[in-house]
Amino acid sequence: MHRSTVLRSLLHDFLKSLPWNQIPLGHASREKGHGRDEIRRLKAVQVPRRLRLPHAAQAIKVTRRRRDLNSGKIQIEHVYAVTSHDAFSATDAQLARAVREHWHIEAHHHVRDTTLAEDASKIRTGNRPRAMATFRNLAIALAASPAGPTPPTPPTTTSHTPTTHSTSSNPADENAGPLVHRVLSLAHLA
């Protein structure tokens, strides 16, 4: 077995063994769409000292309960993660959003690999790997567009004033974007 697989398995077992039933619910959300009703619950706890991961501050457990709206079938999945953010630098809602965004990125990479065989590519030097990734992203975007490519809109003359947009009334949520890059490790429970 490959060393990273063994380490991931050990990390998963350690995170799964934490006393999650004693940890209060930190964040919950519900979403209906794509033919399913999904409830996500997040719990976060300070990482015990015996976990020797540098910069690890919190362990996270996300429980996803999905119900297929057509068949009524219920599926429950537990996902464990470790983050470098402590309870003071990120809210539970920010952590939940970071994990959700991480899944979105992983799904995108899965499409690039399974559909366009990105991992099998022999292009490895210079700017060529980045250029090929850009072409693959363009191909995926064009394939996903229901009407196909649209002509570009002409540029408009406006003054450039940087603005920030937030869908949350909580000012602390505006800085949640970088959290996606700070998730150290994810381990899925099959």
N, C-alpha and C. Protein backbone atom coordinates (compact mmCIF):
# COMPACT_ATOMS: atom_id res chain seq x y z
N MET A 1 0.85 -1.17 0.00
CA MET A 1 0.00 0.00 0.00
C MET A 1 0.90 1.24 0.00
N HIS A 2 0.52 2.25 -0.76
CA HIS A 2 1.29 3.48 -0.87
C HIS A 2 1.28 4.24 0.46
N ARG A 3 2.39 4.90 0.79
CA ARG A 3 2.53 5.58 2.09
C ARG A 3 1.43 6.62 2.31
N SER A 4 1.08 7.41 1.28
CA SER A 4 0.05 8.44 1.46
C SER A 4 -1.31 7.81 1.74
N THR A 5 -1.58 6.64 1.18
CA THR A 5 -2.83 5.93 1.45
C THR A 5 -2.88 5.48 2.90
N VAL A 6 -1.77 4.97 3.40
CA VAL A 6 -1.70 4.54 4.79
C VAL A 6 -1.90 5.73 5.73
N LEU A 7 -1.21 6.84 5.44
CA LEU A 7 -1.34 8.03 6.29
C LEU A 7 -2.76 8.58 6.26
N ARG A 8 -3.39 8.59 5.09
CA ARG A 8 -4.77 9.07 4.99
C ARG A 8 -5.71 8.17 5.79
N SER A 9 -5.47 6.87 5.73
CA SER A 9 -6.29 5.92 6.49
C SER A 9 -6.12 6.14 8.00
N LEU A 10 -4.88 6.35 8.43
CA LEU A 10 -4.62 6.61 9.86
C LEU A 10 -5.28 7.92 10.30
N LEU A 11 -5.18 8.95 9.47
CA LEU A 11 -5.81 10.23 9.78
C LEU A 11 -7.33 10.07 9.87
N HIS A 12 -7.89 9.34 8.91
CA HIS A 12 -9.34 9.11 8.92
C HIS A 12 -9.76 8.39 10.20
N ASP A 13 -9.05 7.34 10.56
CA ASP A 13 -9.39 6.58 11.77
C ASP A 13 -9.28 7.45 13.02
N PHE A 14 -8.24 8.30 13.07
CA PHE A 14 -8.07 9.18 14.22
C PHE A 14 -9.24 10.18 14.30
N LEU A 15 -9.57 10.82 13.18
CA LEU A 15 -10.65 11.81 13.19
C LEU A 15 -12.00 11.17 13.50
N LYS A 16 -12.22 9.98 12.97
CA LYS A 16 -13.48 9.27 13.22
C LYS A 16 -13.62 8.90 14.70
N SER A 17 -12.49 8.67 15.38
CA SER A 17 -12.53 8.23 16.79
C SER A 17 -12.76 9.38 17.77
N LEU A 18 -12.73 10.62 17.32
CA LEU A 18 -12.96 11.75 18.22
C LEU A 18 -14.39 11.67 18.77
N PRO A 19 -14.64 12.22 19.95
CA PRO A 19 -15.97 12.09 20.59
C PRO A 19 -17.01 13.03 19.96
N TRP A 20 -17.37 12.78 18.69
CA TRP A 20 -18.26 13.67 17.96
C TRP A 20 -19.64 13.80 18.59
N ASN A 21 -20.12 12.75 19.27
CA ASN A 21 -21.45 12.83 19.90
C ASN A 21 -21.47 13.81 21.07
N GLN A 22 -20.32 14.20 21.59
CA GLN A 22 -20.25 15.17 22.69
C GLN A 22 -20.01 16.60 22.18
N ILE A 23 -19.78 16.76 20.90
CA ILE A 23 -19.48 18.07 20.32
C ILE A 23 -20.77 18.67 19.78
N PRO A 24 -21.08 19.92 20.15
CA PRO A 24 -22.33 20.52 19.69
C PRO A 24 -22.30 20.83 18.19
N LEU A 25 -23.48 20.86 17.60
CA LEU A 25 -23.63 21.20 16.20
C LEU A 25 -23.19 22.64 15.99
N GLY A 26 -22.33 22.87 15.02
CA GLY A 26 -21.81 24.21 14.76
C GLY A 26 -22.55 24.92 13.65
N HIS A 27 -22.95 24.18 12.60
CA HIS A 27 -23.62 24.80 11.46
C HIS A 27 -24.46 23.74 10.76
N ALA A 28 -25.62 24.15 10.27
CA ALA A 28 -26.47 23.26 9.49
C ALA A 28 -27.05 24.03 8.32
N SER A 29 -27.21 23.34 7.19
CA SER A 29 -27.83 23.97 6.02
C SER A 29 -28.64 22.91 5.28
N ARG A 30 -29.64 23.41 4.54
CA ARG A 30 -30.50 22.52 3.77
C ARG A 30 -30.66 23.10 2.38
N GLU A 31 -30.62 22.21 1.40
CA GLU A 31 -30.70 22.66 0.02
C GLU A 31 -31.50 21.64 -0.79
N LYS A 32 -32.45 22.14 -1.58
CA LYS A 32 -33.19 21.28 -2.50
C LYS A 32 -32.82 21.66 -3.91
N GLY A 33 -32.51 20.67 -4.70
CA GLY A 33 -32.16 20.90 -6.10
C GLY A 33 -31.58 19.65 -6.70
N HIS A 34 -31.57 19.62 -8.04
CA HIS A 34 -31.01 18.49 -8.78
C HIS A 34 -31.68 17.17 -8.37
N GLY A 35 -32.96 17.23 -8.03
CA GLY A 35 -33.70 16.01 -7.70
C GLY A 35 -33.43 15.44 -6.34
N ARG A 36 -32.85 16.25 -5.44
CA ARG A 36 -32.59 15.73 -4.10
C ARG A 36 -32.74 16.83 -3.06
N ASP A 37 -32.96 16.37 -1.84
CA ASP A 37 -33.04 17.23 -0.66
C ASP A 37 -31.82 16.88 0.19
N GLU A 38 -30.97 17.87 0.44
CA GLU A 38 -29.71 17.59 1.14
C GLU A 38 -29.59 18.46 2.39
N ILE A 39 -29.25 17.80 3.49
CA ILE A 39 -28.99 18.49 4.76
C ILE A 39 -27.53 18.24 5.11
N ARG A 40 -26.81 19.34 5.39
CA ARG A 40 -25.41 19.24 5.78
C ARG A 40 -25.26 19.78 7.20
N ARG A 41 -24.58 18.99 8.04
CA ARG A 41 -24.33 19.40 9.43
C ARG A 41 -22.83 19.38 9.68
N LEU A 42 -22.32 20.45 10.29
CA LEU A 42 -20.89 20.56 10.55
C LEU A 42 -20.64 20.69 12.05
N LYS A 43 -19.66 19.93 12.51
CA LYS A 43 -19.15 20.05 13.87
C LYS A 43 -17.66 20.29 13.77
N ALA A 44 -17.14 21.17 14.62
CA ALA A 44 -15.70 21.45 14.62
C ALA A 44 -15.20 21.44 16.06
N VAL A 45 -13.97 20.96 16.22
CA VAL A 45 -13.38 20.86 17.55
C VAL A 45 -11.88 21.11 17.44
N GLN A 46 -11.31 21.66 18.49
CA GLN A 46 -9.87 21.88 18.53
C GLN A 46 -9.16 20.54 18.39
N VAL A 47 -8.11 20.53 17.58
CA VAL A 47 -7.37 19.29 17.34
C VAL A 47 -6.59 18.91 18.60
N PRO A 48 -6.71 17.66 19.04
CA PRO A 48 -5.92 17.22 20.19
C PRO A 48 -4.43 17.27 19.87
N ARG A 49 -3.62 17.53 20.88
CA ARG A 49 -2.17 17.66 20.70
C ARG A 49 -1.54 16.38 20.13
N ARG A 50 -2.15 15.24 20.38
CA ARG A 50 -1.53 14.00 19.92
C ARG A 50 -1.58 13.84 18.40
N LEU A 51 -2.37 14.66 17.72
CA LEU A 51 -2.34 14.68 16.25
C LEU A 51 -1.19 15.59 15.83
N ARG A 52 -0.17 15.02 15.30
CA ARG A 52 1.05 15.77 15.01
C ARG A 52 1.07 16.25 13.56
N LEU A 53 0.07 17.04 13.19
CA LEU A 53 0.06 17.69 11.89
C LEU A 53 0.41 19.15 12.10
N PRO A 54 1.44 19.64 11.42
CA PRO A 54 1.80 21.04 11.61
C PRO A 54 0.66 21.95 11.16
N HIS A 55 0.41 22.95 11.94
CA HIS A 55 -0.59 23.98 11.65
C HIS A 55 -2.04 23.50 11.79
N ALA A 56 -2.27 22.27 12.17
CA ALA A 56 -3.64 21.78 12.33
C ALA A 56 -4.25 22.40 13.58
N ALA A 57 -5.37 23.07 13.41
CA ALA A 57 -6.02 23.75 14.54
C ALA A 57 -7.35 23.12 14.91
N GLN A 58 -8.14 22.72 13.90
CA GLN A 58 -9.45 22.14 14.17
C GLN A 58 -9.68 20.90 13.33
N ALA A 59 -10.42 19.98 13.90
CA ALA A 59 -10.93 18.83 13.16
C ALA A 59 -12.39 19.13 12.85
N ILE A 60 -12.83 18.68 11.69
CA ILE A 60 -14.19 18.97 11.23
C ILE A 60 -14.86 17.66 10.85
N LYS A 61 -16.15 17.55 11.19
CA LYS A 61 -16.96 16.44 10.71
C LYS A 61 -18.18 17.04 10.02
N VAL A 62 -18.37 16.65 8.76
CA VAL A 62 -19.55 17.08 8.01
C VAL A 62 -20.38 15.83 7.75
N THR A 63 -21.64 15.88 8.15
CA THR A 63 -22.57 14.79 7.87
C THR A 63 -23.54 15.29 6.81
N ARG A 64 -23.57 14.57 5.69
CA ARG A 64 -24.47 14.93 4.61
C ARG A 64 -25.56 13.86 4.51
N ARG A 65 -26.80 14.31 4.58
CA ARG A 65 -27.96 13.42 4.45
C ARG A 65 -28.69 13.82 3.18
N ARG A 66 -28.67 12.94 2.18
CA ARG A 66 -29.31 13.22 0.90
C ARG A 66 -30.51 12.29 0.72
N ARG A 67 -31.64 12.90 0.30
CA ARG A 67 -32.84 12.12 -0.02
C ARG A 67 -33.19 12.38 -1.47
N ASP A 68 -33.25 11.30 -2.25
CA ASP A 68 -33.66 11.41 -3.64
C ASP A 68 -35.15 11.72 -3.66
N LEU A 69 -35.52 12.82 -4.33
CA LEU A 69 -36.92 13.25 -4.32
C LEU A 69 -37.82 12.34 -5.15
N ASN A 70 -37.25 11.58 -6.07
CA ASN A 70 -38.06 10.67 -6.89
C ASN A 70 -38.26 9.32 -6.21
N SER A 71 -37.16 8.73 -5.73
CA SER A 71 -37.25 7.38 -5.16
C SER A 71 -37.45 7.38 -3.65
N GLY A 72 -37.11 8.49 -2.98
CA GLY A 72 -37.19 8.55 -1.53
C GLY A 72 -36.00 7.92 -0.83
N LYS A 73 -35.05 7.38 -1.61
CA LYS A 73 -33.86 6.74 -1.04
C LYS A 73 -33.03 7.76 -0.27
N ILE A 74 -32.58 7.37 0.92
CA ILE A 74 -31.78 8.25 1.78
C ILE A 74 -30.35 7.72 1.82
N GLN A 75 -29.41 8.64 1.68
CA GLN A 75 -27.98 8.31 1.72
C GLN A 75 -27.33 9.23 2.74
N ILE A 76 -26.51 8.66 3.62
CA ILE A 76 -25.81 9.45 4.64
C ILE A 76 -24.31 9.25 4.44
N GLU A 77 -23.57 10.37 4.45
CA GLU A 77 -22.13 10.35 4.24
C GLU A 77 -21.48 11.20 5.33
N HIS A 78 -20.38 10.70 5.89
CA HIS A 78 -19.60 11.45 6.88
C HIS A 78 -18.26 11.80 6.25
N VAL A 79 -17.88 13.06 6.33
CA VAL A 79 -16.61 13.53 5.79
C VAL A 79 -15.85 14.18 6.93
N TYR A 80 -14.58 13.84 7.03
CA TYR A 80 -13.72 14.39 8.08
C TYR A 80 -12.64 15.25 7.43
N ALA A 81 -12.31 16.37 8.07
CA ALA A 81 -11.30 17.27 7.54
C ALA A 81 -10.51 17.88 8.68
N VAL A 82 -9.35 18.42 8.33
CA VAL A 82 -8.52 19.14 9.28
C VAL A 82 -8.23 20.50 8.66
N THR A 83 -8.29 21.56 9.45
CA THR A 83 -8.00 22.89 8.94
C THR A 83 -7.02 23.63 9.84
N SER A 84 -6.33 24.59 9.26
CA SER A 84 -5.39 25.40 10.03
C SER A 84 -6.09 26.55 10.73
N HIS A 85 -7.37 26.75 10.46
CA HIS A 85 -8.11 27.84 11.11
C HIS A 85 -8.61 27.41 12.49
N ASP A 86 -8.36 28.25 13.48
CA ASP A 86 -8.90 27.97 14.80
C ASP A 86 -10.30 28.59 14.91
N ALA A 87 -10.95 28.40 16.04
CA ALA A 87 -12.32 28.86 16.22
C ALA A 87 -12.43 30.38 16.17
N PHE A 88 -11.33 31.10 16.36
CA PHE A 88 -11.36 32.55 16.36
C PHE A 88 -11.13 33.14 14.97
N SER A 89 -10.51 32.40 14.07
CA SER A 89 -10.21 32.94 12.75
C SER A 89 -11.22 32.54 11.69
N ALA A 90 -12.13 31.62 12.00
CA ALA A 90 -13.16 31.23 11.04
C ALA A 90 -14.39 30.74 11.79
N THR A 91 -15.55 31.19 11.35
CA THR A 91 -16.80 30.72 11.95
C THR A 91 -17.13 29.34 11.39
N ASP A 92 -18.06 28.66 12.04
CA ASP A 92 -18.48 27.36 11.53
C ASP A 92 -19.12 27.48 10.15
N ALA A 93 -19.84 28.58 9.91
CA ALA A 93 -20.45 28.81 8.59
C ALA A 93 -19.36 28.97 7.53
N GLN A 94 -18.28 29.67 7.85
CA GLN A 94 -17.18 29.82 6.90
C GLN A 94 -16.50 28.48 6.62
N LEU A 95 -16.33 27.67 7.64
CA LEU A 95 -15.74 26.35 7.44
C LEU A 95 -16.64 25.48 6.56
N ALA A 96 -17.96 25.55 6.81
CA ALA A 96 -18.90 24.76 6.00
C ALA A 96 -18.82 25.19 4.53
N ARG A 97 -18.74 26.48 4.30
CA ARG A 97 -18.64 26.98 2.93
C ARG A 97 -17.31 26.54 2.30
N ALA A 98 -16.23 26.56 3.06
CA ALA A 98 -14.92 26.16 2.53
C ALA A 98 -14.93 24.68 2.12
N VAL A 99 -15.54 23.83 2.94
CA VAL A 99 -15.61 22.41 2.60
C VAL A 99 -16.47 22.22 1.36
N ARG A 100 -17.58 22.93 1.28
CA ARG A 100 -18.46 22.84 0.11
C ARG A 100 -17.72 23.28 -1.16
N GLU A 101 -16.97 24.38 -1.08
CA GLU A 101 -16.20 24.86 -2.23
C GLU A 101 -15.10 23.88 -2.61
N HIS A 102 -14.51 23.23 -1.62
CA HIS A 102 -13.48 22.23 -1.89
C HIS A 102 -14.06 21.07 -2.70
N TRP A 103 -15.27 20.62 -2.33
CA TRP A 103 -15.93 19.54 -3.08
C TRP A 103 -16.19 19.98 -4.52
N HIS A 104 -16.58 21.23 -4.70
CA HIS A 104 -16.83 21.75 -6.05
C HIS A 104 -15.55 21.69 -6.89
N ILE A 105 -14.43 22.08 -6.31
CA ILE A 105 -13.14 22.05 -7.01
C ILE A 105 -12.76 20.61 -7.33
N GLU A 106 -12.93 19.70 -6.37
CA GLU A 106 -12.61 18.30 -6.61
C GLU A 106 -13.47 17.72 -7.73
N ALA A 107 -14.74 18.08 -7.77
CA ALA A 107 -15.63 17.59 -8.83
C ALA A 107 -15.16 18.09 -10.19
N HIS A 108 -14.71 19.34 -10.24
CA HIS A 108 -14.20 19.90 -11.50
C HIS A 108 -12.95 19.13 -11.95
N HIS A 109 -12.03 18.85 -11.03
CA HIS A 109 -10.82 18.10 -11.39
C HIS A 109 -11.17 16.67 -11.81
N HIS A 110 -12.18 16.09 -11.19
CA HIS A 110 -12.62 14.75 -11.57
C HIS A 110 -13.11 14.74 -13.03
N VAL A 111 -13.88 15.77 -13.39
CA VAL A 111 -14.36 15.86 -14.78
C VAL A 111 -13.18 16.02 -15.73
N ARG A 112 -12.23 16.89 -15.37
CA ARG A 112 -11.06 17.09 -16.24
C ARG A 112 -10.28 15.79 -16.42
N ASP A 113 -10.19 14.99 -15.37
CA ASP A 113 -9.41 13.76 -15.49
C ASP A 113 -10.18 12.65 -16.20
N THR A 114 -11.42 12.43 -15.82
CA THR A 114 -12.16 11.31 -16.40
C THR A 114 -12.61 11.58 -17.83
N THR A 115 -12.97 12.82 -18.15
CA THR A 115 -13.44 13.13 -19.49
C THR A 115 -12.30 13.44 -20.43
N LEU A 116 -11.31 14.17 -19.95
CA LEU A 116 -10.23 14.63 -20.82
C LEU A 116 -8.88 13.99 -20.50
N ALA A 117 -8.85 12.98 -19.64
CA ALA A 117 -7.64 12.21 -19.31
C ALA A 117 -6.47 13.10 -18.92
N GLU A 118 -6.73 14.08 -18.07
CA GLU A 118 -5.68 15.02 -17.69
C GLU A 118 -4.51 14.33 -16.98
N ASP A 119 -4.78 13.37 -16.11
CA ASP A 119 -3.70 12.71 -15.37
C ASP A 119 -2.79 11.88 -16.30
N ALA A 120 -3.30 11.45 -17.45
CA ALA A 120 -2.51 10.65 -18.38
C ALA A 120 -1.67 11.51 -19.32
N SER A 121 -1.83 12.82 -19.24
CA SER A 121 -1.11 13.72 -20.14
C SER A 121 0.40 13.61 -19.95
N LYS A 122 1.13 13.65 -21.04
CA LYS A 122 2.60 13.60 -21.01
C LYS A 122 3.21 15.00 -21.02
N ILE A 123 2.37 16.02 -21.07
CA ILE A 123 2.85 17.40 -21.10
C ILE A 123 3.20 17.82 -19.68
N ARG A 124 4.50 18.07 -19.44
CA ARG A 124 4.94 18.30 -18.07
C ARG A 124 5.88 19.50 -17.90
N THR A 125 6.33 20.13 -18.97
CA THR A 125 7.36 21.17 -18.82
C THR A 125 6.89 22.52 -19.32
N GLY A 126 7.54 23.56 -18.80
CA GLY A 126 7.28 24.93 -19.25
C GLY A 126 5.87 25.37 -18.92
N ASN A 127 5.31 26.19 -19.80
CA ASN A 127 3.95 26.72 -19.62
C ASN A 127 2.90 25.82 -20.25
N ARG A 128 3.33 24.76 -20.89
CA ARG A 128 2.39 23.89 -21.61
C ARG A 128 1.35 23.23 -20.70
N PRO A 129 1.70 22.75 -19.49
CA PRO A 129 0.65 22.15 -18.64
C PRO A 129 -0.45 23.16 -18.28
N ARG A 130 -0.06 24.39 -17.97
CA ARG A 130 -1.04 25.43 -17.63
C ARG A 130 -1.91 25.76 -18.85
N ALA A 131 -1.28 25.85 -20.02
CA ALA A 131 -2.04 26.14 -21.24
C ALA A 131 -3.04 25.02 -21.53
N MET A 132 -2.62 23.78 -21.39
CA MET A 132 -3.54 22.66 -21.63
C MET A 132 -4.68 22.64 -20.61
N ALA A 133 -4.39 22.98 -19.35
CA ALA A 133 -5.46 23.06 -18.35
C ALA A 133 -6.47 24.14 -18.73
N THR A 134 -5.98 25.25 -19.26
CA THR A 134 -6.87 26.32 -19.71
C THR A 134 -7.75 25.83 -20.86
N PHE A 135 -7.17 25.12 -21.82
CA PHE A 135 -7.94 24.59 -22.94
C PHE A 135 -8.97 23.57 -22.46
N ARG A 136 -8.58 22.73 -21.49
CA ARG A 136 -9.53 21.75 -20.96
C ARG A 136 -10.69 22.45 -20.25
N ASN A 137 -10.37 23.48 -19.46
CA ASN A 137 -11.44 24.24 -18.79
C ASN A 137 -12.37 24.88 -19.81
N LEU A 138 -11.82 25.42 -20.88
CA LEU A 138 -12.63 26.03 -21.93
C LEU A 138 -13.54 24.99 -22.58
N ALA A 139 -12.99 23.81 -22.87
CA ALA A 139 -13.78 22.75 -23.47
C ALA A 139 -14.94 22.33 -22.56
N ILE A 140 -14.67 22.21 -21.27
CA ILE A 140 -15.72 21.84 -20.31
C ILE A 140 -16.79 22.93 -20.25
N ALA A 141 -16.36 24.20 -20.21
CA ALA A 141 -17.32 25.30 -20.15
C ALA A 141 -18.19 25.34 -21.40
N LEU A 142 -17.58 25.14 -22.57
CA LEU A 142 -18.36 25.15 -23.81
C LEU A 142 -19.33 23.97 -23.86
N ALA A 143 -18.89 22.82 -23.40
CA ALA A 143 -19.77 21.64 -23.41
C ALA A 143 -20.92 21.81 -22.43
N ALA A 144 -20.69 22.51 -21.33
CA ALA A 144 -21.72 22.67 -20.31
C ALA A 144 -22.72 23.76 -20.66
N SER A 145 -22.35 24.66 -21.56
CA SER A 145 -23.23 25.76 -21.94
C SER A 145 -24.38 25.22 -22.79
N PRO A 146 -25.64 25.48 -22.40
CA PRO A 146 -26.77 24.90 -23.14
C PRO A 146 -26.89 25.45 -24.57
N ALA A 147 -26.49 26.68 -24.80
CA ALA A 147 -26.63 27.28 -26.13
C ALA A 147 -25.32 27.28 -26.89
N GLY A 148 -24.28 26.72 -26.31
CA GLY A 148 -22.98 26.77 -26.95
C GLY A 148 -22.31 28.10 -26.68
N PRO A 149 -21.23 28.38 -27.38
CA PRO A 149 -20.50 29.62 -27.13
C PRO A 149 -21.34 30.84 -27.52
N THR A 150 -21.18 31.91 -26.77
CA THR A 150 -21.87 33.16 -27.07
C THR A 150 -20.83 34.18 -27.51
N PRO A 151 -21.24 35.09 -28.41
CA PRO A 151 -20.26 36.08 -28.86
C PRO A 151 -19.88 37.00 -27.72
N PRO A 152 -18.64 37.50 -27.72
CA PRO A 152 -18.22 38.38 -26.64
C PRO A 152 -18.97 39.70 -26.69
N THR A 153 -19.20 40.28 -25.52
CA THR A 153 -19.86 41.58 -25.46
C THR A 153 -18.80 42.66 -25.61
N PRO A 154 -19.17 43.76 -26.29
CA PRO A 154 -18.17 44.81 -26.47
C PRO A 154 -17.83 45.45 -25.13
N PRO A 155 -16.57 45.89 -24.97
CA PRO A 155 -16.19 46.51 -23.70
C PRO A 155 -16.91 47.84 -23.51
N THR A 156 -17.19 48.15 -22.26
CA THR A 156 -17.80 49.43 -21.92
C THR A 156 -16.78 50.26 -21.18
N THR A 157 -16.94 51.55 -21.26
CA THR A 157 -16.01 52.45 -20.59
C THR A 157 -16.56 52.74 -19.20
N THR A 158 -15.84 52.30 -18.20
CA THR A 158 -16.22 52.56 -16.82
C THR A 158 -14.97 52.86 -16.02
N SER A 159 -15.17 53.51 -14.91
CA SER A 159 -14.02 53.72 -14.03
C SER A 159 -13.81 52.45 -13.24
N HIS A 160 -12.57 52.14 -12.93
CA HIS A 160 -12.25 50.91 -12.21
C HIS A 160 -12.14 51.20 -10.73
N THR A 161 -13.19 50.85 -10.00
CA THR A 161 -13.19 50.99 -8.56
C THR A 161 -13.40 49.61 -7.97
N PRO A 162 -12.40 49.06 -7.27
CA PRO A 162 -12.57 47.71 -6.71
C PRO A 162 -13.71 47.70 -5.70
N THR A 163 -14.56 46.69 -5.80
CA THR A 163 -15.65 46.53 -4.84
C THR A 163 -15.65 45.10 -4.36
N THR A 164 -16.24 44.89 -3.23
CA THR A 164 -16.41 43.52 -2.73
C THR A 164 -17.89 43.26 -2.61
N HIS A 165 -18.28 42.05 -2.90
CA HIS A 165 -19.68 41.66 -2.82
C HIS A 165 -19.80 40.54 -1.82
N SER A 166 -20.81 40.62 -1.00
CA SER A 166 -21.03 39.58 -0.01
C SER A 166 -22.51 39.24 0.01
N THR A 167 -22.81 37.95 0.08
CA THR A 167 -24.20 37.53 0.19
C THR A 167 -24.60 37.38 1.65
N SER A 168 -23.69 37.67 2.55
CA SER A 168 -23.93 37.49 3.97
C SER A 168 -24.00 38.84 4.66
N SER A 169 -24.78 38.93 5.70
CA SER A 169 -24.82 40.16 6.48
C SER A 169 -23.71 40.18 7.53
N ASN A 170 -23.01 39.08 7.67
CA ASN A 170 -21.92 38.97 8.65
C ASN A 170 -20.63 39.42 7.99
N PRO A 171 -20.02 40.56 8.44
CA PRO A 171 -18.79 41.03 7.81
C PRO A 171 -17.64 40.03 7.88
N ALA A 172 -17.63 39.15 8.87
CA ALA A 172 -16.55 38.15 8.98
C ALA A 172 -16.59 37.16 7.84
N ASP A 173 -17.78 36.96 7.21
CA ASP A 173 -17.91 36.00 6.12
C ASP A 173 -17.24 36.48 4.84
N GLU A 174 -16.95 37.79 4.71
CA GLU A 174 -16.36 38.31 3.48
C GLU A 174 -14.97 37.75 3.23
N ASN A 175 -14.28 37.31 4.25
CA ASN A 175 -12.92 36.80 4.09
C ASN A 175 -12.87 35.29 4.01
N ALA A 176 -13.98 34.65 3.71
CA ALA A 176 -14.03 33.19 3.75
C ALA A 176 -13.39 32.53 2.53
N GLY A 177 -13.23 33.25 1.43
CA GLY A 177 -12.69 32.67 0.21
C GLY A 177 -11.40 31.90 0.41
N PRO A 178 -10.37 32.48 1.04
CA PRO A 178 -9.10 31.77 1.18
C PRO A 178 -9.18 30.50 2.01
N LEU A 179 -10.26 30.26 2.71
CA LEU A 179 -10.35 29.06 3.53
C LEU A 179 -10.24 27.79 2.69
N VAL A 180 -10.71 27.84 1.45
CA VAL A 180 -10.65 26.66 0.60
C VAL A 180 -9.22 26.18 0.46
N HIS A 181 -8.29 27.10 0.37
CA HIS A 181 -6.91 26.74 0.17
C HIS A 181 -6.24 26.32 1.48
N ARG A 182 -6.93 26.47 2.60
CA ARG A 182 -6.30 26.17 3.87
C ARG A 182 -6.81 24.86 4.46
N VAL A 183 -7.65 24.13 3.75
CA VAL A 183 -8.05 22.81 4.19
C VAL A 183 -6.85 21.89 3.96
N LEU A 184 -6.34 21.31 5.02
CA LEU A 184 -5.11 20.52 4.92
C LEU A 184 -5.32 19.13 4.39
N SER A 185 -6.38 18.49 4.82
CA SER A 185 -6.56 17.10 4.41
C SER A 185 -8.03 16.74 4.52
N LEU A 186 -8.51 15.99 3.54
CA LEU A 186 -9.87 15.47 3.59
C LEU A 186 -9.79 13.96 3.55
N ALA A 187 -10.62 13.32 4.34
CA ALA A 187 -10.69 11.87 4.33
C ALA A 187 -12.14 11.48 4.27
N HIS A 188 -12.55 10.74 3.27
CA HIS A 188 -13.95 10.37 3.08
C HIS A 188 -14.23 9.00 3.69
N LEU A 189 -15.39 8.90 4.29
CA LEU A 189 -15.85 7.62 4.82
C LEU A 189 -16.74 6.98 3.77
N ALA A 190 -16.38 5.83 3.31
CA ALA A 190 -17.15 5.16 2.26
C ALA A 190 -18.43 4.59 2.82
